Protein backbone atom coordinates (compact mmCIF):
# COMPACT_ATOMS: atom_id res chain seq x y z
CA MET A 1 -37.56 -39.83 18.32
CA GLU A 2 -38.44 -36.87 19.69
CA ILE A 3 -35.45 -37.27 22.35
CA ILE A 4 -33.67 -37.49 17.78
CA GLN A 5 -35.90 -34.76 17.00
CA ILE A 6 -34.86 -31.80 19.85
CA ILE A 7 -31.23 -33.52 18.95
CA ILE A 8 -30.93 -31.93 15.58
CA PHE A 9 -33.27 -29.26 16.70
CA ILE A 10 -30.93 -28.27 19.12
CA VAL A 11 -27.47 -29.29 17.26
CA LEU A 12 -29.44 -26.31 14.37
CA LEU A 13 -29.13 -24.10 16.10
CA ALA A 14 -25.98 -24.57 17.92
CA VAL A 15 -25.20 -24.86 13.93
CA ILE A 16 -26.68 -21.10 13.38
CA PHE A 17 -25.16 -19.70 16.48
CA ILE A 18 -21.43 -20.57 15.32
CA THR A 19 -22.78 -19.17 11.44
CA ILE A 20 -24.21 -15.75 13.21
CA PHE A 21 -21.42 -15.43 15.10
CA LEU A 22 -18.88 -16.59 12.13
CA LEU A 23 -20.04 -13.43 9.84
CA LEU A 24 -19.85 -11.23 12.86
CA LYS A 25 -16.66 -11.90 13.74
CA SER A 26 -15.86 -11.36 10.23
CA SER A 27 -17.44 -9.10 9.24
CA THR A 28 -15.67 -7.02 12.06
CA LYS A 29 -11.93 -7.81 10.97
CA ASN A 30 -13.50 -6.34 7.46
CA LYS A 31 -15.26 -3.24 9.40
CA TYR A 32 -10.78 -3.28 10.68
CA TYR A 33 -9.06 -3.92 7.64
CA GLU A 34 -11.04 -1.37 5.63
CA GLU A 35 -10.55 1.62 8.07
CA LYS A 36 -6.45 0.33 8.20
CA TYR A 37 -5.73 0.37 4.80
CA SER A 38 -8.29 2.36 4.37
CA LYS A 39 -5.38 5.11 3.44
CA ILE A 40 -2.96 3.50 0.49
CA ILE A 41 -7.02 2.74 -1.24
CA ASN A 42 -6.95 6.46 -0.92
CA ILE A 43 -3.63 7.49 -1.93
CA ASP A 44 -4.36 5.45 -4.77
CA GLN A 45 -6.24 7.25 -5.91
CA GLU A 46 -5.25 10.35 -4.91
CA THR A 47 -2.09 9.52 -7.21
CA GLU A 48 -4.55 8.27 -10.07
CA LYS A 49 -6.26 11.79 -10.03
CA LEU A 50 -3.21 13.26 -9.68
CA ASN A 51 -1.19 12.47 -12.20
CA ASN A 52 -4.11 12.99 -14.73
CA GLU A 53 -4.30 16.92 -12.78
CA LYS A 54 -0.10 16.34 -14.20
CA GLY A 55 -0.65 15.73 -16.95
CA LYS A 56 -2.68 18.49 -18.02
CA ILE A 57 -0.54 20.84 -16.68
CA GLU A 58 2.41 19.61 -18.73
CA LYS A 59 0.41 19.71 -21.62
CA THR A 60 -0.86 23.47 -20.93
CA ILE A 61 3.08 24.31 -19.76
CA ASP A 62 3.96 22.56 -23.77
CA GLU A 63 1.26 24.72 -25.25
CA LEU A 64 2.09 28.16 -23.35
CA ARG A 65 5.93 27.68 -25.07
CA THR A 66 4.71 26.93 -28.17
CA SER A 67 3.39 30.42 -28.26
CA TYR A 68 6.05 32.07 -26.54
CA ARG A 69 8.18 31.23 -28.33
CA GLU A 70 5.51 32.23 -31.76
CA LYS A 71 5.05 35.18 -30.19
CA LYS A 72 8.79 35.69 -28.78
CA LYS A 73 10.20 36.06 -32.82
CA ILE A 74 6.87 38.55 -33.70
CA PHE A 75 7.87 40.17 -30.55
CA ASP A 76 12.08 40.28 -32.15
CA LYS A 77 11.31 41.35 -35.68
CA LEU A 78 9.72 43.94 -34.17
CA VAL A 79 12.45 44.81 -31.90
CA GLU A 80 14.61 45.06 -35.75
CA GLN A 81 12.19 46.92 -37.10
CA ALA A 82 11.79 49.94 -34.40
CA ALA A 83 15.72 49.28 -34.37
CA ILE A 84 16.11 50.61 -38.35
CA TYR A 85 13.17 52.58 -37.79
CA ASN A 86 14.73 54.42 -34.64
CA GLU A 87 18.44 54.76 -36.32
CA GLU A 88 16.07 56.16 -39.73
CA ILE A 89 15.14 59.17 -37.22
CA GLU A 90 18.87 59.38 -35.86
CA LEU A 91 19.90 60.27 -39.45
CA ALA A 92 16.84 62.36 -40.30
CA GLU A 93 18.05 64.71 -37.08
């Protein structure tokens, strides 16, 4: 009976050590792959961040273009009016 208990104890110890060994091995592999592919993961995050920033910049550019068109119309009208007044001043002289 004692021999069976000793054998069972030894088998359990072996299973525990094998389990610990496999866990450490898989942990080491996980770290290796995390380090190896961390750049890819970071690139995906950076790509998403830059795409969001690009969208904001494009929106700002569209707003600036609209604002420029409106202000260009006002400027052109002012140039026209200034030319009219300039002609009137030249005629008056």
